């Protein structure tokens, strides 16, 4: 990891302060938090703001509908709010080693 140009940003979420409805809808909350994180990365200019984004997310759901909903939501939010193109892959940490690094840091 020290051989790469890496920036790390995180969000701490106190789940007890989240609206009760969102506490019960964990996949909706996950989508919302992922969108906030992407927005902060973009606004802090940690990524080029004029190039497409490629996001690799860890597969937490086996339900294809929830995974597709995650991809569609983030894609719509990023392209709508920031006018940039995003591609989203959902993979396991075994498939993409970068996800193992993220898990270790978190």
Protein backbone atom coordinates (compact mmCIF):
# COMPACT_ATOMS: atom_id res chain seq x y z
CA UNK A 1 0.00 0.00 0.00
CA UNK A 2 2.87 2.39 0.69
CA UNK A 3 3.93 2.06 -2.96
CA UNK A 4 0.66 3.64 -4.14
CA UNK A 5 -0.68 7.18 -3.95
CA UNK A 6 -3.47 6.56 -1.42
CA UNK A 7 -5.89 8.84 0.41
CA UNK A 8 -8.19 7.56 3.13
CA UNK A 9 -11.47 9.11 4.22
CA UNK A 10 -14.01 7.60 6.54
CA UNK A 11 -17.39 8.35 8.03
CA UNK A 12 -18.33 7.42 11.58
CA UNK A 13 -22.02 6.62 11.84
CA UNK A 14 -23.73 6.58 15.20
CA UNK A 15 -26.60 4.25 14.34
CA UNK A 16 -28.55 5.19 17.45
CA UNK A 17 -28.97 8.71 16.05
CA UNK A 18 -30.26 7.52 12.68
CA UNK A 19 -33.99 7.82 11.97
CA UNK A 20 -35.76 4.71 13.20
CA UNK A 21 -37.06 3.95 9.71
CA UNK A 22 -33.51 3.87 8.34
CA UNK A 23 -32.32 1.68 11.22
CA UNK A 24 -34.84 -0.92 10.06
CA UNK A 25 -33.89 -0.52 6.37
CA UNK A 26 -30.18 -1.36 6.56
CA UNK A 27 -29.70 -1.61 2.79
CA UNK A 28 -31.21 1.88 2.32
CA UNK A 29 -28.96 3.26 5.06
CA UNK A 30 -25.91 1.61 3.46
CA UNK A 31 -26.77 3.21 0.10
CA UNK A 32 -27.23 6.61 1.74
CA UNK A 33 -23.92 6.45 3.63
CA UNK A 34 -22.04 5.28 0.53
CA UNK A 35 -23.47 8.26 -1.35
CA UNK A 36 -22.34 10.67 1.40
CA UNK A 37 -18.85 9.18 1.29
CA UNK A 38 -18.66 9.55 -2.50
CA UNK A 39 -19.91 13.12 -2.26
CA UNK A 40 -17.22 14.01 0.30
CA UNK A 41 -14.50 12.37 -1.77
CA UNK A 42 -15.64 14.37 -4.79
CA UNK A 43 -16.05 17.74 -3.02
CA UNK A 44 -12.67 17.42 -1.26
CA UNK A 45 -11.16 16.76 -4.70
CA UNK A 46 -9.53 13.50 -3.60
CA UNK A 47 -10.30 12.21 -7.09
CA UNK A 48 -10.10 13.97 -10.44
CA UNK A 49 -13.38 15.86 -10.83
CA UNK A 50 -13.39 15.74 -14.62
CA UNK A 51 -12.82 12.01 -15.13
CA UNK A 52 -15.16 9.03 -14.77
CA UNK A 53 -15.17 7.24 -11.40
CA UNK A 54 -14.64 3.52 -11.03
CA UNK A 55 -15.97 2.17 -7.72
CA UNK A 56 -15.43 -1.34 -6.36
CA UNK A 57 -17.83 -2.15 -3.54
CA UNK A 58 -17.71 -5.18 -1.31
CA UNK A 59 -20.56 -7.59 -1.86
CA UNK A 60 -22.59 -7.63 1.32
CA UNK A 61 -25.81 -8.94 -0.18
CA UNK A 62 -26.52 -12.10 -2.11
CA UNK A 63 -29.80 -10.60 -3.31
CA UNK A 64 -29.24 -9.42 -6.89
CA UNK A 65 -32.08 -6.89 -6.61
CA UNK A 66 -30.45 -5.15 -3.61
CA UNK A 67 -27.06 -5.11 -5.37
CA UNK A 68 -28.59 -3.62 -8.51
CA UNK A 69 -30.51 -1.10 -6.43
CA UNK A 70 -27.22 -0.04 -4.78
CA UNK A 71 -25.54 0.42 -8.18
CA UNK A 72 -28.48 2.31 -9.66
CA UNK A 73 -28.86 4.60 -6.63
CA UNK A 74 -25.18 5.58 -6.54
CA UNK A 75 -24.98 5.98 -10.28
CA UNK A 76 -28.05 8.24 -10.34
CA UNK A 77 -26.81 10.32 -7.38
CA UNK A 78 -23.26 10.81 -8.66
CA UNK A 79 -24.22 11.55 -12.25
CA UNK A 80 -27.09 13.82 -11.14
CA UNK A 81 -25.22 15.77 -8.45
CA UNK A 82 -21.77 15.98 -9.99
CA UNK A 83 -22.35 15.35 -13.69
CA UNK A 84 -19.69 12.66 -13.93
CA UNK A 85 -19.87 9.08 -15.09
CA UNK A 86 -19.44 6.26 -12.61
CA UNK A 87 -18.99 2.53 -13.06
CA UNK A 88 -19.70 0.31 -10.08
CA UNK A 89 -18.50 -3.25 -9.55
CA UNK A 90 -19.66 -5.40 -6.67
CA UNK A 91 -17.04 -7.99 -5.79
CA UNK A 92 -15.88 -10.09 -2.88
CA UNK A 93 -12.62 -9.36 -1.06
CA UNK A 94 -11.28 -12.62 -2.52
CA UNK A 95 -11.91 -11.26 -6.03
CA UNK A 96 -10.44 -7.80 -5.44
CA UNK A 97 -7.53 -7.43 -3.05
CA UNK A 98 -8.16 -3.69 -2.63
CA UNK A 99 -11.28 -4.61 -0.62
CA UNK A 100 -9.13 -6.57 1.83
CA UNK A 101 -7.03 -3.44 2.40
CA UNK A 102 -10.16 -1.38 3.03
CA UNK A 103 -11.46 -3.97 5.50
CA UNK A 104 -8.13 -3.95 7.32
CA UNK A 105 -8.06 -0.14 7.59
CA UNK A 106 -11.67 0.06 8.74
